[in-house]
Structures are given as structure tokens and as C-alpha cells.
C-alpha atoms as a PDB file:
ATOM      1  CA  MET A   1       0.008  -0.224   0.215  1.00  0.00           C
ATOM      2  CA  GLU A   2       1.395   3.718  -1.273  1.00  0.00           C
ATOM      3  CA  LYS A   3       1.712   5.839   2.126  1.00  0.00           C
ATOM      4  CA  ASP A   4      -0.080   8.640   0.528  1.00  0.00           C
ATOM      5  CA  LEU A   5      -3.319   7.199  -0.552  1.00  0.00           C
ATOM      6  CA  THR A   6      -3.920   7.264   4.380  1.00  0.00           C
ATOM      7  CA  LEU A   7      -7.375   8.454   5.215  1.00  0.00           C
ATOM      8  CA  GLN A   8      -5.908  12.051   5.607  1.00  0.00           C
ATOM      9  CA  SER A   9      -3.879  12.977   3.194  1.00  0.00           C
ATOM     10  CA  VAL A  10      -6.566  12.190   0.259  1.00  0.00           C
ATOM     11  CA  LEU A  11      -8.803  14.510   2.555  1.00  0.00           C
ATOM     12  CA  GLU A  12      -5.937  16.525   2.612  1.00  0.00           C
ATOM     13  CA  ASN A  13      -5.781  16.349  -1.516  1.00  0.00           C
ATOM     14  CA  VAL A  14     -10.026  17.101  -1.338  1.00  0.00           C
ATOM     15  CA  GLU A  15      -9.690  19.480   0.627  1.00  0.00           C
ATOM     16  CA  GLU A  16      -7.087  21.655  -1.257  1.00  0.00           C
ATOM     17  CA  GLN A  17      -8.666  20.919  -4.718  1.00  0.00           C
ATOM     18  CA  LEU A  18     -12.485  21.812  -3.741  1.00  0.00           C
ATOM     19  CA  ILE A  19     -10.624  25.401  -1.689  1.00  0.00           C
ATOM     20  CA  ARG A  20      -8.623  25.646  -4.997  1.00  0.00           C
ATOM     21  CA  ARG A  21     -12.120  26.188  -7.600  1.00  0.00           C
ATOM     22  CA  ALA A  22     -13.882  27.798  -5.248  1.00  0.00           C
ATOM     23  CA  LEU A  23     -11.178  30.250  -5.170  1.00  0.00           C
ATOM     24  CA  GLU A  24     -10.899  29.565  -8.641  1.00  0.00           C
ATOM     25  CA  GLU A  25     -15.131  30.224  -8.831  1.00  0.00           C
ATOM     26  CA  THR A  26     -15.027  33.443  -6.800  1.00  0.00           C
ATOM     27  CA  GLY A  27     -11.978  35.243  -8.473  1.00  0.00           C
ATOM     28  CA  GLY A  28      -9.907  35.160  -5.920  1.00  0.00           C
ATOM     29  CA  ASN A  29     -12.587  36.353  -3.456  1.00  0.00           C
ATOM     30  CA  GLN A  30     -12.095  35.329  -0.663  1.00  0.00           C
ATOM     31  CA  THR A  31     -15.373  35.659   1.370  1.00  0.00           C
ATOM     32  CA  LYS A  32     -16.866  34.374  -1.752  1.00  0.00           C
ATOM     33  CA  ALA A  33     -14.905  30.971  -1.922  1.00  0.00           C
ATOM     34  CA  ALA A  34     -15.547  30.587   2.117  1.00  0.00           C
ATOM     35  CA  GLU A  35     -19.769  31.247   1.730  1.00  0.00           C
ATOM     36  CA  ARG A  36     -19.716  28.440  -1.325  1.00  0.00           C
ATOM     37  CA  LEU A  37     -17.720  26.021   0.789  1.00  0.00           C
ATOM     38  CA  GLY A  38     -20.041  26.778   3.674  1.00  0.00           C
ATOM     39  CA  ILE A  39     -16.095  28.034   6.397  1.00  0.00           C
ATOM     40  CA  SER A  40     -15.740  31.547   7.514  1.00  0.00           C
ATOM     41  CA  ARG A  41     -13.252  33.421   6.062  1.00  0.00           C
ATOM     42  CA  HIS A  42     -11.461  33.193   9.017  1.00  0.00           C
ATOM     43  CA  THR A  43     -11.301  28.506   8.663  1.00  0.00           C
ATOM     44  CA  LEU A  44     -10.424  29.645   4.954  1.00  0.00           C
ATOM     45  CA  ILE A  45      -7.092  31.275   6.291  1.00  0.00           C
ATOM     46  CA  TYR A  46      -6.447  29.258   7.456  1.00  0.00           C
ATOM     47  CA  LYS A  47      -6.490  26.423   5.237  1.00  0.00           C
ATOM     48  CA  LEU A  48      -5.055  28.788   2.670  1.00  0.00           C
ATOM     49  CA  LYS A  49      -2.359  28.922   5.307  1.00  0.00           C
ATOM     50  CA  LYS A  50      -1.375  25.526   6.993  1.00  0.00           C
ATOM     51  CA  MET A  51      -1.325  24.398   2.602  1.00  0.00           C
ATOM     52  CA  GLN A  52       1.182  26.488   1.494  1.00  0.00           C
ATOM     53  CA  CYS A  53       3.213  24.848   4.964  1.00  0.00           C
ATOM     54  CA  LYS A  54       2.969  21.583   2.449  1.00  0.00           C
END
């Protein structure tokens, strides 16, 4: 089994894809992207910072 196929890594990958798509569809507008994702803007910013650390 590949080590990148852990549940956590798969969920992180899907989350990152959804965030990137929401930002793309909203022209980079974080407030609208967060609304689309059903999370607060603060949570979106936290997740974006976390993504940059990868």
C-alpha cells in the first residue's frame, strides 16, 4: 500500500482541490469562496496557510 493513500492524505488532497476550485470560480474572492464552501473566511485563510506549508 502506498503511504500517500492514507485517509488523512486523501481528505487533505480533496479539500485542497475544492478550495482551489472555489477560489478560481470566485476570481480569488476569499469571502465568496468561503461561503461557497460553507466555512468562515477565517477558516479558509487558516486552511490556505496550512496548504502553503506543505
